[in-house]
């Protein structure tokens, strides 16, 4: 494998994240550099108005390059789709701009993908997860009800809404290319499509902290998420979950990433 082949591409959907992105990029790039293989961070500016793109353009150079993409279609799901479909990396996935899920789980993610997993799903419901939350009782009960509704679409996955999911590139393209839900329930459609394409989903524990500033509102977004799940279930009706597709194990070299520094809409040498 040549040194310019990106092994893992991490997509960050960003809407008005100029304040949080500097720290997020430092922590995430440090975690990726520790993996010992060529990695990249792709920030997708989802029509921000606060200079989010300028923050990415001004990111210092380093062993893990950063690039900037633009998505003018509102919705976190569409922003992630833009980054995933633009990726040429062997493995691609996404995490949230607030880095609520600690990036130290990336080592396990990469190991599972190289061992043959089709998709790795971070789960706060995993018995080994460490979750620090400050949610109201209403939101907690809403989450329980939502997970019940999701089981009709995604099978064998205890939680779908943690913003920490990674895929083999071809599996990601099958799941994201036809995506129609851009709201907070987009993860459900992505995982449902992946399963119906025969992908094997593996859940991993995460260390998750409820970071202030979440844009999800149980009142204004909660009911819409249930409506979106119903639409997704209808959209995928009649499509059975295919048997897991046979996937070869990928052997990766353990060597430093020498692909360069920060970039915007492409990598700068």
Protein backbone atom coordinates (compact mmCIF):
# COMPACT_ATOMS: atom_id res chain seq x y z
CA UNK A 1 0.00 0.00 0.00
CA UNK A 2 1.39 3.37 -0.97
CA UNK A 3 1.64 6.08 1.65
CA UNK A 4 -0.97 8.28 -0.04
CA UNK A 5 -3.79 5.74 0.36
CA UNK A 6 -6.16 6.97 3.07
CA UNK A 7 -7.17 4.10 5.32
CA UNK A 8 -9.70 5.86 7.57
CA UNK A 9 -11.66 9.00 6.71
CA UNK A 10 -13.65 10.62 9.54
CA UNK A 11 -16.48 12.89 8.41
CA UNK A 12 -17.65 15.69 10.72
CA UNK A 13 -20.98 17.32 9.79
CA UNK A 14 -20.79 20.93 10.92
CA UNK A 15 -23.48 23.59 11.15
CA UNK A 16 -22.28 26.74 12.91
CA UNK A 17 -19.53 24.91 14.81
CA UNK A 18 -16.82 27.58 14.64
CA UNK A 19 -16.42 27.66 18.43
CA UNK A 20 -16.18 23.90 19.01
CA UNK A 21 -14.24 22.80 15.94
CA UNK A 22 -10.73 24.00 16.93
CA UNK A 23 -10.58 21.77 20.01
CA UNK A 24 -12.37 18.94 18.24
CA UNK A 25 -9.88 18.92 15.37
CA UNK A 26 -6.90 18.89 17.75
CA UNK A 27 -8.24 15.94 19.78
CA UNK A 28 -9.49 13.95 16.80
CA UNK A 29 -6.35 14.38 14.73
CA UNK A 30 -4.20 13.33 17.69
CA UNK A 31 -6.27 10.16 18.14
CA UNK A 32 -6.04 9.36 14.43
CA UNK A 33 -2.29 9.97 14.34
CA UNK A 34 -1.91 7.35 17.09
CA UNK A 35 -3.46 4.68 14.85
CA UNK A 36 -0.28 4.50 12.78
CA UNK A 37 -1.98 4.38 9.36
CA UNK A 38 -2.87 7.18 6.89
CA UNK A 39 -6.03 8.93 8.08
CA UNK A 40 -7.96 12.04 7.15
CA UNK A 41 -10.60 14.33 8.66
CA UNK A 42 -13.32 15.67 6.35
CA UNK A 43 -15.41 18.54 7.69
CA UNK A 44 -18.65 19.15 5.80
CA UNK A 45 -19.89 22.71 6.26
CA UNK A 46 -23.69 22.44 6.24
CA UNK A 47 -24.41 26.03 5.12
CA UNK A 48 -22.95 27.61 8.27
CA UNK A 49 -23.08 31.36 8.82
CA UNK A 50 -20.51 31.70 11.61
CA UNK A 51 -17.22 31.11 9.82
CA UNK A 52 -17.07 27.35 10.35
CA UNK A 53 -15.33 26.95 7.00
CA UNK A 54 -12.68 29.52 7.91
CA UNK A 55 -11.82 27.51 11.02
CA UNK A 56 -11.14 24.45 8.87
CA UNK A 57 -9.13 26.45 6.34
CA UNK A 58 -7.02 27.82 9.17
CA UNK A 59 -6.29 24.46 10.77
CA UNK A 60 -2.53 23.97 11.21
CA UNK A 61 -0.74 21.37 9.14
CA UNK A 62 0.08 18.04 10.73
CA UNK A 63 0.34 14.30 10.19
CA UNK A 64 -3.44 13.96 9.71
CA UNK A 65 -4.79 16.14 6.88
CA UNK A 66 -8.07 18.02 7.08
CA UNK A 67 -10.27 18.93 4.14
CA UNK A 68 -13.37 21.06 3.81
CA UNK A 69 -16.49 20.21 1.81
CA UNK A 70 -19.73 22.15 1.41
CA UNK A 71 -23.30 20.87 1.65
CA UNK A 72 -26.03 23.40 0.98
CA UNK A 73 -28.88 20.96 1.66
CA UNK A 74 -29.94 21.41 5.31
CA UNK A 75 -29.79 18.33 7.50
CA UNK A 76 -27.10 16.40 9.34
CA UNK A 77 -27.80 13.27 7.33
CA UNK A 78 -27.24 15.04 4.02
CA UNK A 79 -24.01 16.60 5.30
CA UNK A 80 -22.68 13.17 6.32
CA UNK A 81 -23.77 11.74 2.98
CA UNK A 82 -21.79 14.44 1.16
CA UNK A 83 -18.63 13.53 3.04
CA UNK A 84 -19.09 9.78 2.71
CA UNK A 85 -19.75 9.82 -1.03
CA UNK A 86 -16.75 12.10 -1.60
CA UNK A 87 -14.40 9.74 0.24
CA UNK A 88 -11.90 7.46 -1.47
CA UNK A 89 -10.66 5.98 1.82
CA UNK A 90 -10.74 2.25 2.49
CA UNK A 91 -12.93 2.87 5.56
CA UNK A 92 -15.16 5.89 6.19
CA UNK A 93 -17.45 7.00 8.98
CA UNK A 94 -18.53 9.97 11.00
CA UNK A 95 -18.53 11.52 14.45
CA UNK A 96 -20.20 14.62 15.86
CA UNK A 97 -18.56 18.03 15.98
CA UNK A 98 -18.91 18.17 19.76
CA UNK A 99 -16.85 14.96 20.07
CA UNK A 100 -19.31 13.66 22.68
CA UNK A 101 -18.01 10.18 21.89
CA UNK A 102 -14.38 9.90 22.96
CA UNK A 103 -12.13 9.20 19.95
CA UNK A 104 -10.12 6.59 21.87
CA UNK A 105 -12.57 4.00 20.51
CA UNK A 106 -11.15 4.51 17.01
CA UNK A 107 -8.47 1.88 17.58
CA UNK A 108 -11.08 -0.80 18.21
CA UNK A 109 -13.10 0.45 15.24
CA UNK A 110 -10.14 0.10 12.89
CA UNK A 111 -9.29 -3.35 14.24
CA UNK A 112 -12.83 -4.63 13.69
CA UNK A 113 -13.02 -3.23 10.18
CA UNK A 114 -9.70 -4.74 9.18
CA UNK A 115 -10.81 -8.08 10.64
CA UNK A 116 -13.83 -8.15 8.33
CA UNK A 117 -16.66 -6.19 9.96
CA UNK A 118 -18.80 -4.37 7.41
CA UNK A 119 -19.90 -1.60 9.79
CA UNK A 120 -18.98 -0.65 13.35
CA UNK A 121 -21.65 1.12 15.39
CA UNK A 122 -20.89 2.99 18.60
CA UNK A 123 -23.60 2.27 21.15
CA UNK A 124 -24.36 4.03 24.41
CA UNK A 125 -26.59 1.07 25.30
CA UNK A 126 -23.67 -1.36 25.20
CA UNK A 127 -23.14 -2.85 28.69
CA UNK A 128 -19.50 -1.75 28.68
CA UNK A 129 -20.21 1.86 27.67
CA UNK A 130 -19.53 4.73 30.04
CA UNK A 131 -22.24 7.35 29.65
CA UNK A 132 -22.40 10.69 31.43
CA UNK A 133 -25.71 12.35 30.69
CA UNK A 134 -27.91 15.10 32.07
CA UNK A 135 -31.06 14.31 30.12
CA UNK A 136 -34.50 14.96 31.51
CA UNK A 137 -36.85 12.12 32.41
CA UNK A 138 -38.96 13.03 29.35
CA UNK A 139 -36.00 12.62 27.02
CA UNK A 140 -34.97 9.33 28.64
CA UNK A 141 -38.43 7.82 28.24
CA UNK A 142 -38.57 9.20 24.72
CA UNK A 143 -35.30 7.42 23.93
CA UNK A 144 -36.72 4.13 25.20
CA UNK A 145 -39.82 4.52 23.02
CA UNK A 146 -37.70 5.52 20.03
CA UNK A 147 -35.51 2.44 20.35
CA UNK A 148 -38.64 0.31 20.35
CA UNK A 149 -39.78 1.87 17.09
CA UNK A 150 -36.32 1.50 15.54
CA UNK A 151 -36.28 -2.27 16.18
CA UNK A 152 -38.83 -2.61 13.39
CA UNK A 153 -36.24 -1.27 10.95
CA UNK A 154 -32.80 -2.19 12.31
CA UNK A 155 -32.40 -5.62 13.84
CA UNK A 156 -29.93 -6.69 16.51
CA UNK A 157 -28.61 -3.20 17.28
CA UNK A 158 -29.34 -1.88 20.76
CA UNK A 159 -28.90 1.81 19.90
CA UNK A 160 -28.73 3.67 16.61
CA UNK A 161 -28.40 7.35 17.51
CA UNK A 162 -24.86 7.62 18.84
CA UNK A 163 -22.96 9.78 16.34
CA UNK A 164 -20.09 7.35 15.90
CA UNK A 165 -20.38 4.92 12.96
CA UNK A 166 -17.83 3.55 10.50
CA UNK A 167 -18.08 1.40 7.38
CA UNK A 168 -16.14 -0.26 4.62
CA UNK A 169 -16.27 2.24 1.78
CA UNK A 170 -18.42 0.12 -0.55
CA UNK A 171 -20.87 -0.65 2.25
CA UNK A 172 -21.10 3.05 3.13
CA UNK A 173 -21.88 3.95 -0.47
CA UNK A 174 -24.68 1.39 -0.67
CA UNK A 175 -26.21 2.78 2.51
CA UNK A 176 -25.75 6.52 1.94
CA UNK A 177 -26.26 6.96 -1.81
CA UNK A 178 -30.07 6.44 -1.68
CA UNK A 179 -30.49 8.25 1.68
CA UNK A 180 -33.68 10.31 1.83
CA UNK A 181 -33.88 11.19 5.53
CA UNK A 182 -31.68 14.14 6.39
CA UNK A 183 -32.94 14.69 9.94
CA UNK A 184 -31.87 13.21 13.26
CA UNK A 185 -33.24 9.77 12.32
CA UNK A 186 -30.98 9.42 9.28
CA UNK A 187 -28.86 6.85 11.15
CA UNK A 188 -31.86 4.49 11.17
CA UNK A 189 -32.19 4.60 7.39
CA UNK A 190 -28.44 4.17 6.89
CA UNK A 191 -28.22 1.11 9.14
CA UNK A 192 -31.46 -0.32 7.76
CA UNK A 193 -30.16 -0.06 4.21
CA UNK A 194 -26.80 -1.50 5.20
CA UNK A 195 -28.45 -4.54 6.79
CA UNK A 196 -30.67 -5.09 3.79
CA UNK A 197 -27.58 -5.08 1.60
CA UNK A 198 -26.14 -7.92 3.69
CA UNK A 199 -23.78 -5.91 5.87
CA UNK A 200 -22.75 -7.27 9.25
CA UNK A 201 -23.09 -4.60 11.95
CA UNK A 202 -20.87 -4.79 15.02
CA UNK A 203 -21.64 -2.71 18.12
CA UNK A 204 -18.84 -1.30 20.26
CA UNK A 205 -18.91 0.39 23.68
CA UNK A 206 -18.17 4.09 23.86
CA UNK A 207 -17.26 6.70 26.43
CA UNK A 208 -19.94 9.33 25.84
CA UNK A 209 -20.42 12.67 27.56
CA UNK A 210 -23.54 14.81 27.17
CA UNK A 211 -21.93 17.99 25.85
CA UNK A 212 -23.97 21.21 26.26
CA UNK A 213 -25.19 22.82 23.08
CA UNK A 214 -27.01 19.93 21.43
CA UNK A 215 -29.42 21.08 18.72
CA UNK A 216 -31.79 18.17 19.34
CA UNK A 217 -34.98 19.22 21.12
CA UNK A 218 -37.32 16.52 22.49
CA UNK A 219 -40.27 18.80 21.84
CA UNK A 220 -39.54 20.13 18.36
CA UNK A 221 -37.50 17.22 16.99
CA UNK A 222 -38.73 14.23 18.99
CA UNK A 223 -42.06 13.77 17.25
CA UNK A 224 -40.46 14.35 13.84
CA UNK A 225 -37.98 11.56 14.52
CA UNK A 226 -40.83 9.11 15.14
CA UNK A 227 -42.50 10.26 11.92
CA UNK A 228 -39.21 9.81 10.05
CA UNK A 229 -38.78 6.27 11.40
CA UNK A 230 -42.28 5.40 10.21
CA UNK A 231 -41.42 6.78 6.76
CA UNK A 232 -38.17 4.82 6.70
CA UNK A 233 -39.97 1.63 7.65
CA UNK A 234 -42.45 2.22 4.83
CA UNK A 235 -39.63 3.06 2.40
CA UNK A 236 -37.82 -0.18 3.19
CA UNK A 237 -40.95 -2.32 3.40
CA UNK A 238 -40.78 -5.71 1.76
CA UNK A 239 -36.99 -5.68 1.69
CA UNK A 240 -35.70 -8.57 3.78
CA UNK A 241 -32.40 -8.42 5.58
CA UNK A 242 -29.94 -10.22 3.32
CA UNK A 243 -27.54 -12.86 4.63
CA UNK A 244 -24.24 -11.30 5.72
CA UNK A 245 -22.02 -10.68 2.73
CA UNK A 246 -18.68 -12.51 2.76
CA UNK A 247 -15.95 -9.94 3.26
CA UNK A 248 -12.19 -10.43 3.00
CA UNK A 249 -9.96 -9.39 5.86
CA UNK A 250 -7.87 -6.36 4.95
CA UNK A 251 -4.23 -6.37 5.96
CA UNK A 252 -2.90 -2.91 6.73
CA UNK A 253 0.67 -1.76 7.24
CA UNK A 254 1.48 -0.02 10.48
CA UNK A 255 3.35 3.08 9.42
CA UNK A 256 3.07 6.84 9.97
CA UNK A 257 0.78 8.93 7.80
CA UNK A 258 2.95 11.16 5.60
CA UNK A 259 0.19 12.59 3.45
CA UNK A 260 0.59 16.21 4.53
CA UNK A 261 -1.26 18.93 6.39
CA UNK A 262 -4.54 20.79 6.32
CA UNK A 263 -6.54 21.31 3.15
CA UNK A 264 -9.73 22.73 1.76
CA UNK A 265 -11.72 20.86 -0.85
CA UNK A 266 -8.81 18.55 -1.51
CA UNK A 267 -5.53 17.72 0.16
CA UNK A 268 -2.64 20.14 0.12
CA UNK A 269 0.72 18.44 -0.53
